[in-house]
PDB file of N, CA and C in Angstrom:
ATOM      1  N   MET A   1     -91.213  18.864 -53.901  1.00  0.00           N
ATOM      2  CA  MET A   1     -91.283  17.541 -54.501  1.00  0.00           C
ATOM      3  C   MET A   1     -89.868  16.993 -54.656  1.00  0.00           C
ATOM      4  N   ALA A   2     -89.753  15.706 -54.430  1.00  0.00           N
ATOM      5  CA  ALA A   2     -88.446  15.048 -54.518  1.00  0.00           C
ATOM      6  C   ALA A   2     -87.915  15.075 -55.942  1.00  0.00           C
ATOM      7  N   GLU A   3     -86.609  15.098 -56.046  1.00  0.00           N
ATOM      8  CA  GLU A   3     -85.930  15.110 -57.339  1.00  0.00           C
ATOM      9  C   GLU A   3     -86.069  13.765 -58.044  1.00  0.00           C
ATOM     10  N   LEU A   4     -86.195  13.798 -59.369  1.00  0.00           N
ATOM     11  CA  LEU A   4     -86.279  12.565 -60.149  1.00  0.00           C
ATOM     12  C   LEU A   4     -84.926  11.886 -60.215  1.00  0.00           C
ATOM     13  N   ILE A   5     -84.929  10.569 -60.051  1.00  0.00           N
ATOM     14  CA  ILE A   5     -83.708   9.771 -60.155  1.00  0.00           C
ATOM     15  C   ILE A   5     -83.634   9.222 -61.575  1.00  0.00           C
ATOM     16  N   PRO A   6     -82.536   9.466 -62.300  1.00  0.00           N
ATOM     17  CA  PRO A   6     -82.429   8.942 -63.660  1.00  0.00           C
ATOM     18  C   PRO A   6     -82.281   7.422 -63.668  1.00  0.00           C
ATOM     19  N   GLY A   7     -82.722   6.804 -64.759  1.00  0.00           N
ATOM     20  CA  GLY A   7     -82.602   5.354 -64.911  1.00  0.00           C
ATOM     21  C   GLY A   7     -83.955   4.668 -64.884  1.00  0.00           C
ATOM     22  N   ARG A   8     -83.914   3.345 -64.861  1.00  0.00           N
ATOM     23  CA  ARG A   8     -85.134   2.543 -64.918  1.00  0.00           C
ATOM     24  C   ARG A   8     -85.549   2.054 -63.534  1.00  0.00           C
ATOM     25  N   VAL A   9     -86.835   2.130 -63.290  1.00  0.00           N
ATOM     26  CA  VAL A   9     -87.433   1.608 -62.070  1.00  0.00           C
ATOM     27  C   VAL A   9     -87.515   0.089 -62.206  1.00  0.00           C
ATOM     28  N   THR A  10     -87.225  -0.629 -61.121  1.00  0.00           N
ATOM     29  CA  THR A  10     -87.386  -2.082 -61.099  1.00  0.00           C
ATOM     30  C   THR A  10     -88.790  -2.400 -60.600  1.00  0.00           C
ATOM     31  N   ILE A  11     -89.486  -3.284 -61.318  1.00  0.00           N
ATOM     32  CA  ILE A  11     -90.846  -3.671 -60.943  1.00  0.00           C
ATOM     33  C   ILE A  11     -90.881  -5.178 -60.731  1.00  0.00           C
ATOM     34  N   ASP A  12     -91.228  -5.582 -59.520  1.00  0.00           N
ATOM     35  CA  ASP A  12     -91.421  -6.998 -59.199  1.00  0.00           C
ATOM     36  C   ASP A  12     -92.922  -7.214 -59.076  1.00  0.00           C
ATOM     37  N   GLU A  13     -93.493  -7.915 -60.031  1.00  0.00           N
ATOM     38  CA  GLU A  13     -94.945  -8.117 -60.066  1.00  0.00           C
ATOM     39  C   GLU A  13     -95.344  -9.400 -59.341  1.00  0.00           C
ATOM     40  N   GLY A  14     -96.501  -9.335 -58.682  1.00  0.00           N
ATOM     41  CA  GLY A  14     -97.076 -10.525 -58.072  1.00  0.00           C
ATOM     42  C   GLY A  14     -96.322 -11.063 -56.873  1.00  0.00           C
ATOM     43  N   VAL A  15     -95.727 -10.178 -56.089  1.00  0.00           N
ATOM     44  CA  VAL A  15     -94.989 -10.598 -54.890  1.00  0.00           C
ATOM     45  C   VAL A  15     -96.011 -10.933 -53.793  1.00  0.00           C
ATOM     46  N   PRO A  16     -96.011 -12.163 -53.275  1.00  0.00           N
ATOM     47  CA  PRO A  16     -96.968 -12.506 -52.213  1.00  0.00           C
ATOM     48  C   PRO A  16     -96.632 -11.776 -50.910  1.00  0.00           C
ATOM     49  N   PHE A  17     -97.652 -11.201 -50.277  1.00  0.00           N
ATOM     50  CA  PHE A  17     -97.413 -10.511 -49.009  1.00  0.00           C
ATOM     51  C   PHE A  17     -98.225 -11.078 -47.852  1.00  0.00           C
ATOM     52  N   GLY A  18     -99.135 -11.975 -48.125  1.00  0.00           N
ATOM     53  CA  GLY A  18     -99.931 -12.555 -47.046  1.00  0.00           C
ATOM     54  C   GLY A  18    -101.082 -13.358 -47.619  1.00  0.00           C
ATOM     55  N   THR A  19    -101.983 -13.773 -46.727  1.00  0.00           N
ATOM     56  CA  THR A  19    -103.176 -14.490 -47.155  1.00  0.00           C
ATOM     57  C   THR A  19    -104.402 -13.830 -46.548  1.00  0.00           C
ATOM     58  N   GLY A  20    -105.504 -13.980 -47.241  1.00  0.00           N
ATOM     59  CA  GLY A  20    -106.776 -13.484 -46.759  1.00  0.00           C
ATOM     60  C   GLY A  20    -107.863 -14.417 -47.241  1.00  0.00           C
ATOM     61  N   GLY A  21    -108.683 -14.895 -46.334  1.00  0.00           N
ATOM     62  CA  GLY A  21    -109.761 -15.792 -46.728  1.00  0.00           C
ATOM     63  C   GLY A  21    -109.270 -17.055 -47.397  1.00  0.00           C
ATOM     64  N   GLY A  22    -108.074 -17.502 -47.032  1.00  0.00           N
ATOM     65  CA  GLY A  22    -107.547 -18.735 -47.594  1.00  0.00           C
ATOM     66  C   GLY A  22    -106.869 -18.585 -48.939  1.00  0.00           C
ATOM     67  N   ARG A  23    -106.710 -17.363 -49.440  1.00  0.00           N
ATOM     68  CA  ARG A  23    -105.986 -17.180 -50.703  1.00  0.00           C
ATOM     69  C   ARG A  23    -104.841 -16.206 -50.523  1.00  0.00           C
ATOM     70  N   ARG A  24    -103.847 -16.386 -51.358  1.00  0.00           N
ATOM     71  CA  ARG A  24    -102.652 -15.550 -51.295  1.00  0.00           C
ATOM     72  C   ARG A  24    -102.956 -14.168 -51.876  1.00  0.00           C
ATOM     73  N   LEU A  25    -102.422 -13.143 -51.209  1.00  0.00           N
ATOM     74  CA  LEU A  25    -102.548 -11.754 -51.670  1.00  0.00           C
ATOM     75  C   LEU A  25    -101.199 -11.304 -52.228  1.00  0.00           C
ATOM     76  N   HIS A  26    -101.235 -10.449 -53.250  1.00  0.00           N
ATOM     77  CA  HIS A  26    -100.016 -10.055 -53.961  1.00  0.00           C
ATOM     78  C   HIS A  26     -99.857  -8.541 -54.043  1.00  0.00           C
ATOM     79  N   ALA A  27     -98.623  -8.151 -54.279  1.00  0.00           N
ATOM     80  CA  ALA A  27     -98.275  -6.747 -54.493  1.00  0.00           C
ATOM     81  C   ALA A  27     -97.326  -6.642 -55.675  1.00  0.00           C
ATOM     82  N   ASP A  28     -97.344  -5.497 -56.316  1.00  0.00           N
ATOM     83  CA  ASP A  28     -96.327  -5.154 -57.303  1.00  0.00           C
ATOM     84  C   ASP A  28     -95.410  -4.154 -56.604  1.00  0.00           C
ATOM     85  N   VAL A  29     -94.121  -4.465 -56.550  1.00  0.00           N
ATOM     86  CA  VAL A  29     -93.163  -3.643 -55.811  1.00  0.00           C
ATOM     87  C   VAL A  29     -92.311  -2.853 -56.797  1.00  0.00           C
ATOM     88  N   PHE A  30     -92.247  -1.551 -56.579  1.00  0.00           N
ATOM     89  CA  PHE A  30     -91.514  -0.620 -57.443  1.00  0.00           C
ATOM     90  C   PHE A  30     -90.319  -0.087 -56.662  1.00  0.00           C
ATOM     91  N   THR A  31     -89.118  -0.326 -57.197  1.00  0.00           N
ATOM     92  CA  THR A  31     -87.877   0.062 -56.535  1.00  0.00           C
ATOM     93  C   THR A  31     -87.187   1.138 -57.373  1.00  0.00           C
ATOM     94  N   PRO A  32     -86.611   2.155 -56.718  1.00  0.00           N
ATOM     95  CA  PRO A  32     -85.949   3.241 -57.454  1.00  0.00           C
ATOM     96  C   PRO A  32     -84.840   2.742 -58.381  1.00  0.00           C
ATOM     97  N   PRO A  33     -84.542   3.522 -59.419  1.00  0.00           N
ATOM     98  CA  PRO A  33     -83.420   3.182 -60.297  1.00  0.00           C
ATOM     99  C   PRO A  33     -82.144   3.014 -59.472  1.00  0.00           C
ATOM    100  N   GLY A  34     -81.400   1.975 -59.765  1.00  0.00           N
ATOM    101  CA  GLY A  34     -80.170   1.707 -59.032  1.00  0.00           C
ATOM    102  C   GLY A  34     -80.403   0.990 -57.712  1.00  0.00           C
ATOM    103  N   GLY A  35     -81.644   0.660 -57.395  1.00  0.00           N
ATOM    104  CA  GLY A  35     -81.962  -0.019 -56.138  1.00  0.00           C
ATOM    105  C   GLY A  35     -82.254   0.968 -55.029  1.00  0.00           C
ATOM    106  N   ALA A  36     -82.884   0.481 -54.001  1.00  0.00           N
ATOM    107  CA  ALA A  36     -83.208   1.333 -52.859  1.00  0.00           C
ATOM    108  C   ALA A  36     -82.026   1.406 -51.917  1.00  0.00           C
ATOM    109  N   SER A  37     -81.814   2.584 -51.381  1.00  0.00           N
ATOM    110  CA  SER A  37     -80.804   2.694 -50.333  1.00  0.00           C
ATOM    111  C   SER A  37     -81.405   2.119 -49.061  1.00  0.00           C
ATOM    112  N   ALA A  38     -80.573   1.841 -48.087  1.00  0.00           N
ATOM    113  CA  ALA A  38     -81.052   1.220 -46.853  1.00  0.00           C
ATOM    114  C   ALA A  38     -82.045   2.105 -46.112  1.00  0.00           C
ATOM    115  N   GLY A  39     -82.085   3.381 -46.418  1.00  0.00           N
ATOM    116  CA  GLY A  39     -82.980   4.288 -45.701  1.00  0.00           C
ATOM    117  C   GLY A  39     -84.106   4.857 -46.537  1.00  0.00           C
ATOM    118  N   ALA A  40     -84.468   4.193 -47.621  1.00  0.00           N
ATOM    119  CA  ALA A  40     -85.536   4.710 -48.487  1.00  0.00           C
ATOM    120  C   ALA A  40     -86.876   4.664 -47.761  1.00  0.00           C
ATOM    121  N   PRO A  41     -87.744   5.630 -48.029  1.00  0.00           N
ATOM    122  CA  PRO A  41     -89.084   5.548 -47.459  1.00  0.00           C
ATOM    123  C   PRO A  41     -89.923   4.527 -48.235  1.00  0.00           C
ATOM    124  N   GLY A  42     -90.787   3.827 -47.534  1.00  0.00           N
ATOM    125  CA  GLY A  42     -91.673   2.856 -48.161  1.00  0.00           C
ATOM    126  C   GLY A  42     -93.103   3.371 -48.174  1.00  0.00           C
ATOM    127  N   VAL A  43     -93.824   3.052 -49.250  1.00  0.00           N
ATOM    128  CA  VAL A  43     -95.202   3.494 -49.400  1.00  0.00           C
ATOM    129  C   VAL A  43     -96.057   2.321 -49.861  1.00  0.00           C
ATOM    130  N   VAL A  44     -97.173   2.108 -49.179  1.00  0.00           N
ATOM    131  CA  VAL A  44     -98.169   1.135 -49.634  1.00  0.00           C
ATOM    132  C   VAL A  44     -99.229   1.936 -50.375  1.00  0.00           C
ATOM    133  N   ILE A  45     -99.492   1.564 -51.627  1.00  0.00           N
ATOM    134  CA  ILE A  45    -100.527   2.275 -52.385  1.00  0.00           C
ATOM    135  C   ILE A  45    -101.700   1.330 -52.647  1.00  0.00           C
ATOM    136  N   VAL A  46    -102.902   1.868 -52.414  1.00  0.00           N
ATOM    137  CA  VAL A  46    -104.135   1.092 -52.449  1.00  0.00           C
ATOM    138  C   VAL A  46    -105.048   1.670 -53.522  1.00  0.00           C
ATOM    139  N   HIS A  47    -105.532   0.823 -54.418  1.00  0.00           N
ATOM    140  CA  HIS A  47    -106.405   1.312 -55.489  1.00  0.00           C
ATOM    141  C   HIS A  47    -107.766   1.708 -54.950  1.00  0.00           C
ATOM    142  N   GLY A  48    -108.414   2.608 -55.664  1.00  0.00           N
ATOM    143  CA  GLY A  48    -109.763   3.046 -55.318  1.00  0.00           C
ATOM    144  C   GLY A  48    -110.798   2.058 -55.844  1.00  0.00           C
ATOM    145  N   GLY A  49    -112.045   2.428 -55.720  1.00  0.00           N
ATOM    146  CA  GLY A  49    -113.133   1.581 -56.207  1.00  0.00           C
ATOM    147  C   GLY A  49    -114.131   1.249 -55.114  1.00  0.00           C
ATOM    148  N   GLY A  50    -114.050   1.976 -53.988  1.00  0.00           N
ATOM    149  CA  GLY A  50    -115.014   1.779 -52.921  1.00  0.00           C
ATOM    150  C   GLY A  50    -115.017   0.375 -52.344  1.00  0.00           C
ATOM    151  N   TRP A  51    -113.884  -0.293 -52.403  1.00  0.00           N
ATOM    152  CA  TRP A  51    -113.717  -1.677 -51.933  1.00  0.00           C
ATOM    153  C   TRP A  51    -114.495  -2.666 -52.799  1.00  0.00           C
ATOM    154  N   ARG A  52    -115.159  -2.186 -53.849  1.00  0.00           N
ATOM    155  CA  ARG A  52    -116.012  -3.032 -54.685  1.00  0.00           C
ATOM    156  C   ARG A  52    -115.371  -3.465 -56.004  1.00  0.00           C
ATOM    157  N   GLU A  53    -114.465  -2.649 -56.536  1.00  0.00           N
ATOM    158  CA  GLU A  53    -113.900  -2.940 -57.853  1.00  0.00           C
ATOM    159  C   GLU A  53    -112.479  -2.409 -57.953  1.00  0.00           C
ATOM    160  N   GLY A  54    -111.802  -2.785 -59.036  1.00  0.00           N
ATOM    161  CA  GLY A  54    -110.445  -2.326 -59.289  1.00  0.00           C
ATOM    162  C   GLY A  54    -109.421  -3.397 -58.955  1.00  0.00           C
ATOM    163  N   ASP A  55    -108.160  -3.089 -59.281  1.00  0.00           N
ATOM    164  CA  ASP A  55    -107.054  -3.990 -58.964  1.00  0.00           C
ATOM    165  C   ASP A  55    -105.744  -3.213 -58.935  1.00  0.00           C
ATOM    166  N   ARG A  56    -104.711  -3.873 -58.475  1.00  0.00           N
ATOM    167  CA  ARG A  56    -103.426  -3.207 -58.261  1.00  0.00           C
ATOM    168  C   ARG A  56    -102.786  -2.699 -59.551  1.00  0.00           C
ATOM    169  N   SER A  57    -103.144  -3.277 -60.687  1.00  0.00           N
ATOM    170  CA  SER A  57    -102.542  -2.848 -61.954  1.00  0.00           C
ATOM    171  C   SER A  57    -102.885  -1.391 -62.281  1.00  0.00           C
ATOM    172  N   GLN A  58    -103.964  -0.867 -61.702  1.00  0.00           N
ATOM    173  CA  GLN A  58    -104.347   0.529 -61.917  1.00  0.00           C
ATOM    174  C   GLN A  58    -103.295   1.488 -61.358  1.00  0.00           C
ATOM    175  N   LEU A  59    -102.442   1.006 -60.478  1.00  0.00           N
ATOM    176  CA  LEU A  59    -101.506   1.861 -59.761  1.00  0.00           C
ATOM    177  C   LEU A  59    -100.104   1.859 -60.345  1.00  0.00           C
ATOM    178  N   ARG A  60     -99.914   1.206 -61.479  1.00  0.00           N
ATOM    179  CA  ARG A  60     -98.584   1.065 -62.075  1.00  0.00           C
ATOM    180  C   ARG A  60     -97.896   2.426 -62.278  1.00  0.00           C
ATOM    181  N   SER A  61     -98.571   3.378 -62.862  1.00  0.00           N
ATOM    182  CA  SER A  61     -97.929   4.675 -63.121  1.00  0.00           C
ATOM    183  C   SER A  61     -97.585   5.395 -61.818  1.00  0.00           C
ATOM    184  N   TYR A  62     -98.428   5.241 -60.790  1.00  0.00           N
ATOM    185  CA  TYR A  62     -98.121   5.850 -59.493  1.00  0.00           C
ATOM    186  C   TYR A  62     -96.880   5.200 -58.871  1.00  0.00           C
ATOM    187  N   GLY A  63     -96.798   3.880 -58.956  1.00  0.00           N
ATOM    188  CA  GLY A  63     -95.642   3.176 -58.422  1.00  0.00           C
ATOM    189  C   GLY A  63     -94.361   3.607 -59.103  1.00  0.00           C
ATOM    190  N   ILE A  64     -94.403   3.747 -60.422  1.00  0.00           N
ATOM    191  CA  ILE A  64     -93.221   4.177 -61.174  1.00  0.00           C
ATOM    192  C   ILE A  64     -92.825   5.589 -60.775  1.00  0.00           C
ATOM    193  N   GLN A  65     -93.792   6.492 -60.686  1.00  0.00           N
ATOM    194  CA  GLN A  65     -93.476   7.880 -60.324  1.00  0.00           C
ATOM    195  C   GLN A  65     -92.914   7.978 -58.905  1.00  0.00           C
ATOM    196  N   LEU A  66     -93.472   7.224 -57.978  1.00  0.00           N
ATOM    197  CA  LEU A  66     -92.941   7.235 -56.606  1.00  0.00           C
ATOM    198  C   LEU A  66     -91.516   6.692 -56.569  1.00  0.00           C
ATOM    199  N   ALA A  67     -91.263   5.594 -57.275  1.00  0.00           N
ATOM    200  CA  ALA A  67     -89.916   5.008 -57.301  1.00  0.00           C
ATOM    201  C   ALA A  67     -88.916   5.963 -57.941  1.00  0.00           C
ATOM    202  N   ARG A  68     -89.323   6.690 -58.963  1.00  0.00           N
ATOM    203  CA  ARG A  68     -88.418   7.662 -59.594  1.00  0.00           C
ATOM    204  C   ARG A  68     -88.035   8.787 -58.638  1.00  0.00           C
ATOM    205  N   ARG A  69     -88.807   8.932 -57.584  1.00  0.00           N
ATOM    206  CA  ARG A  69     -88.532   9.964 -56.580  1.00  0.00           C
ATOM    207  C   ARG A  69     -87.897   9.387 -55.313  1.00  0.00           C
ATOM    208  N   GLY A  70     -87.459   8.114 -55.377  1.00  0.00           N
ATOM    209  CA  GLY A  70     -86.712   7.528 -54.282  1.00  0.00           C
ATOM    210  C   GLY A  70     -87.495   6.693 -53.294  1.00  0.00           C
ATOM    211  N   PHE A  71     -88.779   6.492 -53.534  1.00  0.00           N
ATOM    212  CA  PHE A  71     -89.597   5.669 -52.654  1.00  0.00           C
ATOM    213  C   PHE A  71     -89.601   4.217 -53.126  1.00  0.00           C
ATOM    214  N   VAL A  72     -89.755   3.292 -52.208  1.00  0.00           N
ATOM    215  CA  VAL A  72     -90.084   1.916 -52.554  1.00  0.00           C
ATOM    216  C   VAL A  72     -91.592   1.831 -52.380  1.00  0.00           C
ATOM    217  N   ALA A  73     -92.305   1.538 -53.452  1.00  0.00           N
ATOM    218  CA  ALA A  73     -93.769   1.525 -53.415  1.00  0.00           C
ATOM    219  C   ALA A  73     -94.293   0.115 -53.658  1.00  0.00           C
ATOM    220  N   ALA A  74     -95.310  -0.253 -52.895  1.00  0.00           N
ATOM    221  CA  ALA A  74     -95.977  -1.550 -53.073  1.00  0.00           C
ATOM    222  C   ALA A  74     -97.436  -1.290 -53.404  1.00  0.00           C
ATOM    223  N   ALA A  75     -97.820  -1.599 -54.635  1.00  0.00           N
ATOM    224  CA  ALA A  75     -99.215  -1.506 -55.063  1.00  0.00           C
ATOM    225  C   ALA A  75     -99.859  -2.847 -54.717  1.00  0.00           C
ATOM    226  N   ILE A  76    -100.815  -2.815 -53.808  1.00  0.00           N
ATOM    227  CA  ILE A  76    -101.339  -4.064 -53.256  1.00  0.00           C
ATOM    228  C   ILE A  76    -102.719  -4.407 -53.776  1.00  0.00           C
ATOM    229  N   GLU A  77    -103.032  -5.693 -53.647  1.00  0.00           N
ATOM    230  CA  GLU A  77    -104.402  -6.129 -53.889  1.00  0.00           C
ATOM    231  C   GLU A  77    -105.052  -6.405 -52.538  1.00  0.00           C
ATOM    232  N   TYR A  78    -106.365  -6.395 -52.543  1.00  0.00           N
ATOM    233  CA  TYR A  78    -107.124  -6.771 -51.352  1.00  0.00           C
ATOM    234  C   TYR A  78    -108.394  -7.463 -51.829  1.00  0.00           C
ATOM    235  N   ARG A  79    -109.018  -8.206 -50.941  1.00  0.00           N
ATOM    236  CA  ARG A  79    -110.265  -8.887 -51.294  1.00  0.00           C
ATOM    237  C   ARG A  79    -111.377  -7.853 -51.447  1.00  0.00           C
ATOM    238  N   LEU A  80    -112.066  -7.907 -52.578  1.00  0.00           N
ATOM    239  CA  LEU A  80    -113.177  -6.993 -52.817  1.00  0.00           C
ATOM    240  C   LEU A  80    -114.404  -7.445 -52.026  1.00  0.00           C
ATOM    241  N   LEU A  81    -115.381  -6.553 -51.883  1.00  0.00           N
ATOM    242  CA  LEU A  81    -116.584  -6.864 -51.105  1.00  0.00           C
ATOM    243  C   LEU A  81    -117.342  -8.078 -51.620  1.00  0.00           C
ATOM    244  N   ALA A  82    -117.295  -8.333 -52.914  1.00  0.00           N
ATOM    245  CA  ALA A  82    -117.986  -9.507 -53.461  1.00  0.00           C
ATOM    246  C   ALA A  82    -117.352 -10.806 -52.967  1.00  0.00           C
ATOM    247  N   GLU A  83    -116.096 -10.736 -52.588  1.00  0.00           N
ATOM    248  CA  GLU A  83    -115.380 -11.921 -52.113  1.00  0.00           C
ATOM    249  C   GLU A  83    -115.416 -12.049 -50.592  1.00  0.00           C
ATOM    250  N   ALA A  84    -115.343 -10.920 -49.904  1.00  0.00           N
ATOM    251  CA  ALA A  84    -115.261 -10.947 -48.439  1.00  0.00           C
ATOM    252  C   ALA A  84    -115.937  -9.703 -47.865  1.00  0.00           C
ATOM    253  N   PRO A  85    -116.742  -9.867 -46.820  1.00  0.00           N
ATOM    254  CA  PRO A  85    -117.417  -8.700 -46.234  1.00  0.00           C
ATOM    255  C   PRO A  85    -116.444  -7.793 -45.487  1.00  0.00           C
ATOM    256  N   TRP A  86    -116.858  -6.536 -45.355  1.00  0.00           N
ATOM    257  CA  TRP A  86    -116.125  -5.571 -44.554  1.00  0.00           C
ATOM    258  C   TRP A  86    -115.960  -6.126 -43.148  1.00  0.00           C
ATOM    259  N   PRO A  87    -114.865  -6.019 -42.470  1.00  0.00           N
ATOM    260  CA  PRO A  87    -113.671  -5.204 -42.718  1.00  0.00           C
ATOM    261  C   PRO A  87    -112.486  -6.001 -43.268  1.00  0.00           C
ATOM    262  N   ALA A  88    -112.756  -7.053 -44.029  1.00  0.00           N
ATOM    263  CA  ALA A  88    -111.669  -7.866 -44.587  1.00  0.00           C
ATOM    264  C   ALA A  88    -110.681  -7.022 -45.393  1.00  0.00           C
ATOM    265  N   GLN A  89    -111.181  -5.996 -46.069  1.00  0.00           N
ATOM    266  CA  GLN A  89    -110.326  -5.164 -46.906  1.00  0.00           C
ATOM    267  C   GLN A  89    -109.257  -4.446 -46.068  1.00  0.00           C
ATOM    268  N   ILE A  90    -109.667  -3.936 -44.925  1.00  0.00           N
ATOM    269  CA  ILE A  90    -108.714  -3.263 -44.039  1.00  0.00           C
ATOM    270  C   ILE A  90    -107.709  -4.261 -43.474  1.00  0.00           C
ATOM    271  N   HIS A  91    -108.160  -5.460 -43.180  1.00  0.00           N
ATOM    272  CA  HIS A  91    -107.245  -6.500 -42.690  1.00  0.00           C
ATOM    273  C   HIS A  91    -106.173  -6.788 -43.745  1.00  0.00           C
ATOM    274  N   ASP A  92    -106.571  -6.815 -45.018  1.00  0.00           N
ATOM    275  CA  ASP A  92    -105.613  -7.080 -46.100  1.00  0.00           C
ATOM    276  C   ASP A  92    -104.606  -5.938 -46.237  1.00  0.00           C
ATOM    277  N   VAL A  93    -105.082  -4.700 -46.124  1.00  0.00           N
ATOM    278  CA  VAL A  93    -104.179  -3.547 -46.198  1.00  0.00           C
ATOM    279  C   VAL A  93    -103.194  -3.581 -45.032  1.00  0.00           C
ATOM    280  N   LYS A  94    -103.688  -3.885 -43.835  1.00  0.00           N
ATOM    281  CA  LYS A  94    -102.813  -3.978 -42.666  1.00  0.00           C
ATOM    282  C   LYS A  94    -101.786  -5.100 -42.828  1.00  0.00           C
ATOM    283  N   ALA A  95    -102.193  -6.197 -43.460  1.00  0.00           N
ATOM    284  CA  ALA A  95    -101.248  -7.296 -43.718  1.00  0.00           C
ATOM    285  C   ALA A  95    -100.121  -6.821 -44.636  1.00  0.00           C
ATOM    286  N   ALA A  96    -100.451  -5.989 -45.619  1.00  0.00           N
ATOM    287  CA  ALA A  96     -99.427  -5.455 -46.525  1.00  0.00           C
ATOM    288  C   ALA A  96     -98.458  -4.546 -45.784  1.00  0.00           C
ATOM    289  N   ILE A  97     -98.972  -3.738 -44.883  1.00  0.00           N
ATOM    290  CA  ILE A  97     -98.111  -2.850 -44.101  1.00  0.00           C
ATOM    291  C   ILE A  97     -97.184  -3.670 -43.209  1.00  0.00           C
ATOM    292  N   ARG A  98     -97.724  -4.695 -42.557  1.00  0.00           N
ATOM    293  CA  ARG A  98     -96.892  -5.556 -41.704  1.00  0.00           C
ATOM    294  C   ARG A  98     -95.812  -6.248 -42.529  1.00  0.00           C
ATOM    295  N   TRP A  99     -96.184  -6.733 -43.734  1.00  0.00           N
ATOM    296  CA  TRP A  99     -95.214  -7.395 -44.617  1.00  0.00           C
ATOM    297  C   TRP A  99     -94.099  -6.430 -45.006  1.00  0.00           C
ATOM    298  N   MET A 100     -94.463  -5.206 -45.343  1.00  0.00           N
ATOM    299  CA  MET A 100     -93.456  -4.238 -45.763  1.00  0.00           C
ATOM    300  C   MET A 100     -92.503  -3.916 -44.608  1.00  0.00           C
ATOM    301  N   ARG A 101     -93.026  -3.778 -43.419  1.00  0.00           N
ATOM    302  CA  ARG A 101     -92.171  -3.521 -42.249  1.00  0.00           C
ATOM    303  C   ARG A 101     -91.270  -4.720 -41.948  1.00  0.00           C
ATOM    304  N   ALA A 102     -91.845  -5.918 -42.007  1.00  0.00           N
ATOM    305  CA  ALA A 102     -91.077  -7.133 -41.703  1.00  0.00           C
ATOM    306  C   ALA A 102     -89.969  -7.375 -42.723  1.00  0.00           C
ATOM    307  N   ASN A 103     -90.173  -6.921 -43.949  1.00  0.00           N
ATOM    308  CA  ASN A 103     -89.197  -7.137 -45.022  1.00  0.00           C
ATOM    309  C   ASN A 103     -88.415  -5.874 -45.364  1.00  0.00           C
ATOM    310  N   ALA A 104     -88.437  -4.913 -44.477  1.00  0.00           N
ATOM    311  CA  ALA A 104     -87.768  -3.635 -44.722  1.00  0.00           C
ATOM    312  C   ALA A 104     -86.303  -3.790 -45.135  1.00  0.00           C
ATOM    313  N   PRO A 105     -85.507  -4.618 -44.455  1.00  0.00           N
ATOM    314  CA  PRO A 105     -84.098  -4.730 -44.867  1.00  0.00           C
ATOM    315  C   PRO A 105     -83.926  -5.216 -46.309  1.00  0.00           C
ATOM    316  N   SER A 106     -84.673  -6.235 -46.706  1.00  0.00           N
ATOM    317  CA  SER A 106     -84.514  -6.746 -48.072  1.00  0.00           C
ATOM    318  C   SER A 106     -85.121  -5.806 -49.113  1.00  0.00           C
ATOM    319  N   LEU A 107     -86.081  -4.993 -48.715  1.00  0.00           N
ATOM    320  CA  LEU A 107     -86.677  -4.019 -49.633  1.00  0.00           C
ATOM    321  C   LEU A 107     -85.848  -2.740 -49.715  1.00  0.00           C
ATOM    322  N   GLY A 108     -84.934  -2.554 -48.756  1.00  0.00           N
ATOM    323  CA  GLY A 108     -84.088  -1.356 -48.748  1.00  0.00           C
ATOM    324  C   GLY A 108     -84.773  -0.151 -48.132  1.00  0.00           C
ATOM    325  N   ILE A 109     -85.779  -0.374 -47.281  1.00  0.00           N
ATOM    326  CA  ILE A 109     -86.487   0.763 -46.695  1.00  0.00           C
ATOM    327  C   ILE A 109     -86.212   0.875 -45.193  1.00  0.00           C
ATOM    328  N   ASP A 110     -86.462   2.073 -44.689  1.00  0.00           N
ATOM    329  CA  ASP A 110     -86.424   2.339 -43.260  1.00  0.00           C
ATOM    330  C   ASP A 110     -87.888   2.340 -42.797  1.00  0.00           C
ATOM    331  N   PRO A 111     -88.309   1.339 -42.025  1.00  0.00           N
ATOM    332  CA  PRO A 111     -89.728   1.244 -41.653  1.00  0.00           C
ATOM    333  C   PRO A 111     -90.213   2.379 -40.748  1.00  0.00           C
ATOM    334  N   GLU A 112     -89.296   3.136 -40.190  1.00  0.00           N
ATOM    335  CA  GLU A 112     -89.678   4.249 -39.312  1.00  0.00           C
ATOM    336  C   GLU A 112     -89.684   5.589 -40.036  1.00  0.00           C
ATOM    337  N   ARG A 113     -89.225   5.615 -41.271  1.00  0.00           N
ATOM    338  CA  ARG A 113     -89.095   6.876 -41.997  1.00  0.00           C
ATOM    339  C   ARG A 113     -90.426   7.298 -42.590  1.00  0.00           C
ATOM    340  N   THR A 114     -90.734   8.567 -42.465  1.00  0.00           N
ATOM    341  CA  THR A 114     -91.910   9.134 -43.096  1.00  0.00           C
ATOM    342  C   THR A 114     -91.449  10.175 -44.097  1.00  0.00           C
ATOM    343  N   PRO A 115     -92.171  10.316 -45.193  1.00  0.00           N
ATOM    344  CA  PRO A 115     -91.741  11.285 -46.218  1.00  0.00           C
ATOM    345  C   PRO A 115     -91.775  12.717 -45.721  1.00  0.00           C
TER     346      PRO A 115
END
């Protein structure tokens, strides 16, 4: 397991990453204490709930723990089944991954790095 980085994690809440079904989708981005280095690994975290329930706020503690270990984590939202039929949820997750890769330099991550 990665070593804990001392200090406070930076949390940017409600960062828009794309649109789905005509509405904006958001992520909460967790950055390691002291900021991300240019080569930090990035992680997209998706809440459970069988695509039927839940929201990104459930992932706050996971985002903080990942950032304390040097990851830049994005806890994302996606359209639930009540709002959009399958496979809209996967399209939203893929949009978040594309956004994270496209914004890798400003997020401080290496889009090719795997943990």
